[in-house]
């Protein structure tokens, strides 16, 4: 089993920044992909950014140039730096871990951007 613990959400004004963190623990396989999805009220869950171990990040077009995903493999941690936040970025952000056998979701952390 794999457990994910997220932190770093909150309330911020438009134009502000936040940093999300997600620590994975348990039966971690070295070759994996971690990332972030989000779900806004009344909308479908969407991919924000993902990065494979040793791979290059992938971003949703809506966040390119504003968000940065990074990971520390030694700490089994993935980060999402959110800059130039917009009200439309308001959502619950979910951390994900995926390997050849498992897809795991975190519990979610709320990001609210006020105008």
N, C-alpha and C. Protein backbone atom coordinates (compact mmCIF):
# COMPACT_ATOMS: atom_id res chain seq x y z
N UNK A 1 0.82 -1.20 0.00
CA UNK A 1 0.00 0.00 0.00
C UNK A 1 0.86 1.25 0.00
N UNK A 2 0.32 2.30 -0.56
CA UNK A 2 0.98 3.60 -0.60
C UNK A 2 0.06 4.63 0.05
N UNK A 3 0.63 5.48 0.86
CA UNK A 3 -0.14 6.56 1.47
C UNK A 3 0.42 7.89 0.97
N UNK A 4 -0.48 8.84 0.76
CA UNK A 4 -0.11 10.18 0.31
C UNK A 4 -0.64 11.20 1.31
N UNK A 5 0.22 12.12 1.71
CA UNK A 5 -0.18 13.18 2.63
C UNK A 5 0.16 14.52 1.97
N UNK A 6 -0.88 15.31 1.74
CA UNK A 6 -0.72 16.61 1.08
C UNK A 6 -0.73 17.73 2.10
N UNK A 7 -0.11 18.83 1.74
CA UNK A 7 -0.16 20.02 2.58
C UNK A 7 0.09 21.24 1.70
N UNK A 8 -0.26 22.41 2.24
CA UNK A 8 0.10 23.65 1.58
C UNK A 8 -1.03 24.42 0.94
N UNK A 9 -2.24 23.89 0.94
CA UNK A 9 -3.34 24.65 0.37
C UNK A 9 -3.71 25.83 1.25
N UNK A 10 -4.63 26.65 0.76
CA UNK A 10 -5.08 27.79 1.54
C UNK A 10 -5.79 28.82 0.70
N UNK A 11 -5.96 29.98 1.29
CA UNK A 11 -6.63 31.11 0.66
C UNK A 11 -5.60 32.16 0.28
N UNK A 12 -5.66 32.61 -0.96
CA UNK A 12 -4.69 33.59 -1.43
C UNK A 12 -5.38 34.54 -2.39
N UNK A 13 -4.88 35.74 -2.48
CA UNK A 13 -5.44 36.70 -3.42
C UNK A 13 -4.92 36.43 -4.83
N UNK A 14 -5.68 36.87 -5.80
CA UNK A 14 -5.26 36.74 -7.19
C UNK A 14 -3.88 37.37 -7.37
N UNK A 15 -3.03 36.66 -8.12
CA UNK A 15 -1.66 37.11 -8.31
C UNK A 15 -0.68 36.55 -7.30
N UNK A 16 -1.21 35.94 -6.26
CA UNK A 16 -0.37 35.39 -5.21
C UNK A 16 0.17 34.02 -5.55
N UNK A 17 0.84 33.42 -4.56
CA UNK A 17 1.52 32.14 -4.76
C UNK A 17 1.21 31.20 -3.60
N UNK A 18 1.29 29.93 -3.90
CA UNK A 18 1.20 28.88 -2.90
C UNK A 18 2.14 27.76 -3.31
N UNK A 19 2.52 26.95 -2.35
CA UNK A 19 3.32 25.77 -2.65
C UNK A 19 2.66 24.56 -2.01
N UNK A 20 2.34 23.58 -2.82
CA UNK A 20 1.76 22.34 -2.33
C UNK A 20 2.84 21.28 -2.22
N UNK A 21 2.70 20.44 -1.21
CA UNK A 21 3.63 19.33 -1.03
C UNK A 21 2.84 18.04 -0.86
N UNK A 22 3.44 16.96 -1.28
CA UNK A 22 2.82 15.64 -1.13
C UNK A 22 3.91 14.63 -0.85
N UNK A 23 3.78 13.97 0.30
CA UNK A 23 4.76 12.96 0.70
C UNK A 23 4.13 11.58 0.52
N UNK A 24 4.84 10.72 -0.18
CA UNK A 24 4.38 9.35 -0.37
C UNK A 24 5.15 8.43 0.58
N UNK A 25 4.44 7.46 1.12
CA UNK A 25 5.08 6.48 2.00
C UNK A 25 4.46 5.11 1.75
N UNK A 26 5.17 4.10 2.22
CA UNK A 26 4.67 2.74 2.02
C UNK A 26 5.50 2.02 0.99
N UNK A 27 4.84 1.21 0.19
CA UNK A 27 5.52 0.38 -0.81
C UNK A 27 5.78 1.17 -2.09
N UNK A 28 6.76 2.09 -2.00
CA UNK A 28 7.10 2.94 -3.13
C UNK A 28 8.01 2.20 -4.09
N UNK A 29 7.64 2.21 -5.34
CA UNK A 29 8.48 1.64 -6.39
C UNK A 29 9.24 2.78 -7.03
N UNK A 30 10.52 2.58 -7.27
CA UNK A 30 11.39 3.67 -7.72
C UNK A 30 10.93 4.26 -9.05
N UNK A 31 10.41 3.43 -9.94
CA UNK A 31 9.92 3.95 -11.22
C UNK A 31 8.43 4.26 -11.05
N UNK A 32 8.12 5.54 -10.96
CA UNK A 32 6.73 5.93 -10.73
C UNK A 32 6.48 7.32 -11.30
N UNK A 33 5.25 7.66 -11.35
CA UNK A 33 4.84 9.00 -11.77
C UNK A 33 4.03 9.63 -10.64
N UNK A 34 4.39 10.83 -10.28
CA UNK A 34 3.62 11.57 -9.29
C UNK A 34 3.12 12.86 -9.92
N UNK A 35 2.05 13.36 -9.38
CA UNK A 35 1.53 14.57 -9.99
C UNK A 35 0.38 15.16 -9.22
N UNK A 36 -0.27 16.11 -9.85
CA UNK A 36 -1.38 16.84 -9.24
C UNK A 36 -2.53 16.95 -10.23
N UNK A 37 -3.71 16.68 -9.70
CA UNK A 37 -4.96 16.91 -10.40
C UNK A 37 -5.74 17.93 -9.60
N UNK A 38 -6.77 18.48 -10.20
CA UNK A 38 -7.64 19.38 -9.45
C UNK A 38 -9.07 19.23 -9.91
N UNK A 39 -9.97 19.60 -9.00
CA UNK A 39 -11.40 19.56 -9.32
C UNK A 39 -12.06 20.79 -8.74
N UNK A 40 -12.61 21.59 -9.61
CA UNK A 40 -13.35 22.77 -9.21
C UNK A 40 -14.82 22.41 -9.06
N UNK A 41 -15.56 23.18 -8.28
CA UNK A 41 -16.99 22.87 -8.10
C UNK A 41 -17.74 22.80 -9.42
N UNK A 42 -18.46 21.71 -9.61
CA UNK A 42 -19.25 21.56 -10.82
C UNK A 42 -18.48 21.17 -12.06
N UNK A 43 -17.19 20.91 -11.88
CA UNK A 43 -16.36 20.57 -13.04
C UNK A 43 -15.72 19.20 -12.85
N UNK A 44 -15.26 18.64 -13.96
CA UNK A 44 -14.57 17.35 -13.90
C UNK A 44 -13.16 17.54 -13.36
N UNK A 45 -12.66 16.46 -12.76
CA UNK A 45 -11.28 16.47 -12.30
C UNK A 45 -10.37 16.53 -13.52
N UNK A 46 -9.32 17.34 -13.42
CA UNK A 46 -8.41 17.49 -14.54
C UNK A 46 -6.96 17.40 -14.08
N UNK A 47 -6.11 16.97 -14.98
CA UNK A 47 -4.68 16.90 -14.69
C UNK A 47 -4.09 18.29 -14.71
N UNK A 48 -3.27 18.59 -13.74
CA UNK A 48 -2.58 19.88 -13.67
C UNK A 48 -1.14 19.72 -14.11
N UNK A 49 -0.43 18.79 -13.48
CA UNK A 49 0.97 18.57 -13.80
C UNK A 49 1.38 17.20 -13.28
N UNK A 50 2.21 16.53 -14.06
CA UNK A 50 2.74 15.24 -13.65
C UNK A 50 4.23 15.17 -14.00
N UNK A 51 4.94 14.34 -13.25
CA UNK A 51 6.35 14.13 -13.54
C UNK A 51 6.73 12.71 -13.14
N UNK A 52 7.36 12.01 -14.06
CA UNK A 52 7.83 10.67 -13.77
C UNK A 52 9.21 10.74 -13.12
N UNK A 53 9.55 9.71 -12.39
CA UNK A 53 10.88 9.67 -11.80
C UNK A 53 11.90 9.67 -12.93
N UNK A 54 12.76 10.68 -12.95
CA UNK A 54 13.75 10.80 -14.01
C UNK A 54 13.20 11.34 -15.31
N UNK A 55 11.94 11.80 -15.30
CA UNK A 55 11.32 12.30 -16.52
C UNK A 55 11.14 13.81 -16.51
N UNK A 56 10.59 14.31 -17.60
CA UNK A 56 10.33 15.74 -17.70
C UNK A 56 8.87 16.00 -17.33
N UNK A 57 8.60 17.14 -16.77
CA UNK A 57 7.23 17.45 -16.35
C UNK A 57 6.28 17.65 -17.53
N UNK A 58 5.02 17.36 -17.26
CA UNK A 58 3.96 17.67 -18.20
C UNK A 58 2.96 18.58 -17.51
N UNK A 59 2.49 19.59 -18.23
CA UNK A 59 1.59 20.57 -17.65
C UNK A 59 0.33 20.73 -18.49
N UNK A 60 -0.75 21.03 -17.82
CA UNK A 60 -1.95 21.47 -18.53
C UNK A 60 -1.68 22.83 -19.14
N UNK A 61 -2.25 23.08 -20.30
CA UNK A 61 -2.03 24.36 -20.98
C UNK A 61 -2.43 25.54 -20.10
N UNK A 62 -3.44 25.35 -19.28
CA UNK A 62 -3.96 26.44 -18.46
C UNK A 62 -2.99 26.89 -17.36
N UNK A 63 -1.99 26.07 -17.05
CA UNK A 63 -1.08 26.42 -15.96
C UNK A 63 0.37 26.59 -16.42
N UNK A 64 0.63 26.33 -17.69
CA UNK A 64 2.00 26.47 -18.20
C UNK A 64 2.51 27.89 -17.98
N UNK A 65 3.72 27.97 -17.49
CA UNK A 65 4.32 29.27 -17.23
C UNK A 65 3.98 29.85 -15.88
N UNK A 66 3.01 29.25 -15.18
CA UNK A 66 2.62 29.75 -13.86
C UNK A 66 2.89 28.73 -12.76
N UNK A 67 2.71 27.46 -13.07
CA UNK A 67 2.91 26.41 -12.07
C UNK A 67 4.17 25.63 -12.40
N UNK A 68 4.84 25.16 -11.36
CA UNK A 68 6.03 24.34 -11.55
C UNK A 68 5.95 23.11 -10.66
N UNK A 69 6.10 21.95 -11.25
CA UNK A 69 6.11 20.71 -10.49
C UNK A 69 7.55 20.25 -10.34
N UNK A 70 7.87 19.74 -9.18
CA UNK A 70 9.20 19.19 -8.94
C UNK A 70 9.07 18.03 -7.96
N UNK A 71 10.13 17.24 -7.89
CA UNK A 71 10.07 16.12 -6.97
C UNK A 71 11.44 15.87 -6.36
N UNK A 72 11.40 15.34 -5.16
CA UNK A 72 12.60 14.92 -4.44
C UNK A 72 12.46 13.41 -4.26
N UNK A 73 13.15 12.66 -5.09
CA UNK A 73 12.99 11.20 -5.06
C UNK A 73 13.49 10.60 -3.75
N UNK A 74 14.50 11.20 -3.17
CA UNK A 74 15.03 10.68 -1.91
C UNK A 74 13.99 10.80 -0.80
N UNK A 75 13.12 11.80 -0.89
CA UNK A 75 12.10 12.03 0.13
C UNK A 75 10.73 11.55 -0.33
N UNK A 76 10.64 10.97 -1.53
CA UNK A 76 9.35 10.54 -2.08
C UNK A 76 8.32 11.66 -2.00
N UNK A 77 8.75 12.83 -2.36
CA UNK A 77 7.91 14.02 -2.23
C UNK A 77 7.80 14.73 -3.58
N UNK A 78 6.59 15.19 -3.87
CA UNK A 78 6.37 16.00 -5.06
C UNK A 78 5.81 17.34 -4.61
N UNK A 79 6.24 18.37 -5.29
CA UNK A 79 5.84 19.74 -4.97
C UNK A 79 5.14 20.36 -6.18
N UNK A 80 4.26 21.30 -5.88
CA UNK A 80 3.66 22.11 -6.94
C UNK A 80 3.71 23.56 -6.50
N UNK A 81 4.52 24.33 -7.20
CA UNK A 81 4.60 25.77 -6.95
C UNK A 81 3.58 26.46 -7.83
N UNK A 82 2.67 27.18 -7.19
CA UNK A 82 1.61 27.86 -7.92
C UNK A 82 1.86 29.36 -7.84
N UNK A 83 2.17 29.96 -8.95
CA UNK A 83 2.41 31.40 -9.03
C UNK A 83 1.36 32.07 -9.90
N UNK A 84 1.24 33.38 -9.76
CA UNK A 84 0.30 34.16 -10.57
C UNK A 84 -1.09 33.52 -10.55
N UNK A 85 -1.54 33.21 -9.36
CA UNK A 85 -2.81 32.49 -9.22
C UNK A 85 -3.99 33.35 -9.68
N UNK A 86 -4.96 32.65 -10.25
CA UNK A 86 -6.16 33.29 -10.76
C UNK A 86 -7.37 32.69 -10.03
N UNK A 87 -8.47 33.41 -9.97
CA UNK A 87 -9.68 32.85 -9.33
C UNK A 87 -10.09 31.51 -9.94
N UNK A 88 -9.86 31.33 -11.22
CA UNK A 88 -10.23 30.06 -11.86
C UNK A 88 -9.33 28.89 -11.47
N UNK A 89 -8.29 29.17 -10.72
CA UNK A 89 -7.46 28.09 -10.18
C UNK A 89 -8.05 27.51 -8.89
N UNK A 90 -9.11 28.12 -8.40
CA UNK A 90 -9.76 27.63 -7.19
C UNK A 90 -10.27 26.22 -7.41
N UNK A 91 -9.86 25.30 -6.55
CA UNK A 91 -10.22 23.90 -6.70
C UNK A 91 -9.65 23.12 -5.52
N UNK A 92 -10.07 21.87 -5.44
CA UNK A 92 -9.39 20.93 -4.56
C UNK A 92 -8.28 20.29 -5.40
N UNK A 93 -7.09 20.32 -4.88
CA UNK A 93 -5.94 19.77 -5.57
C UNK A 93 -5.60 18.41 -4.96
N UNK A 94 -5.46 17.41 -5.82
CA UNK A 94 -5.20 16.05 -5.39
C UNK A 94 -3.82 15.60 -5.88
N UNK A 95 -3.08 15.04 -4.97
CA UNK A 95 -1.80 14.43 -5.32
C UNK A 95 -2.07 13.01 -5.84
N UNK A 96 -1.26 12.58 -6.78
CA UNK A 96 -1.40 11.22 -7.29
C UNK A 96 -0.04 10.54 -7.34
N UNK A 97 -0.11 9.23 -7.16
CA UNK A 97 1.06 8.36 -7.30
C UNK A 97 0.64 7.21 -8.20
N UNK A 98 1.47 6.91 -9.19
CA UNK A 98 1.14 5.80 -10.09
C UNK A 98 2.41 5.02 -10.42
N UNK A 99 2.30 3.69 -10.28
CA UNK A 99 3.37 2.83 -10.78
C UNK A 99 2.73 1.74 -11.63
N UNK A 100 3.45 0.70 -11.91
CA UNK A 100 2.92 -0.33 -12.80
C UNK A 100 1.75 -1.12 -12.22
N UNK A 101 1.53 -0.97 -10.92
CA UNK A 101 0.51 -1.78 -10.26
C UNK A 101 -0.59 -0.97 -9.59
N UNK A 102 -0.36 0.31 -9.40
CA UNK A 102 -1.22 1.04 -8.50
C UNK A 102 -1.40 2.48 -8.93
N UNK A 103 -2.60 2.99 -8.75
CA UNK A 103 -2.86 4.42 -8.86
C UNK A 103 -3.47 4.85 -7.52
N UNK A 104 -2.81 5.78 -6.87
CA UNK A 104 -3.26 6.23 -5.55
C UNK A 104 -3.54 7.72 -5.57
N UNK A 105 -4.64 8.10 -4.90
CA UNK A 105 -5.01 9.50 -4.79
C UNK A 105 -4.84 9.97 -3.35
N UNK A 106 -4.40 11.20 -3.19
CA UNK A 106 -4.39 11.82 -1.88
C UNK A 106 -5.78 12.29 -1.49
N UNK A 107 -5.88 12.82 -0.29
CA UNK A 107 -7.18 13.23 0.22
C UNK A 107 -7.63 14.58 -0.32
N UNK A 108 -6.71 15.33 -0.88
CA UNK A 108 -7.03 16.62 -1.47
C UNK A 108 -6.73 17.77 -0.53
N UNK A 109 -6.35 18.89 -1.11
CA UNK A 109 -6.13 20.11 -0.34
C UNK A 109 -6.77 21.26 -1.10
N UNK A 110 -7.48 22.10 -0.36
CA UNK A 110 -8.24 23.18 -0.98
C UNK A 110 -7.35 24.38 -1.29
N UNK A 111 -7.46 24.86 -2.51
CA UNK A 111 -6.82 26.12 -2.92
C UNK A 111 -7.94 27.07 -3.32
N UNK A 112 -7.98 28.21 -2.67
CA UNK A 112 -9.00 29.21 -2.97
C UNK A 112 -8.30 30.52 -3.34
N UNK A 113 -8.64 31.05 -4.50
CA UNK A 113 -8.03 32.30 -4.97
C UNK A 113 -9.12 33.36 -5.05
N UNK A 114 -8.95 34.40 -4.28
CA UNK A 114 -9.94 35.48 -4.27
C UNK A 114 -9.56 36.56 -5.27
N UNK A 115 -10.58 37.20 -5.82
CA UNK A 115 -10.32 38.24 -6.82
C UNK A 115 -10.20 39.61 -6.18
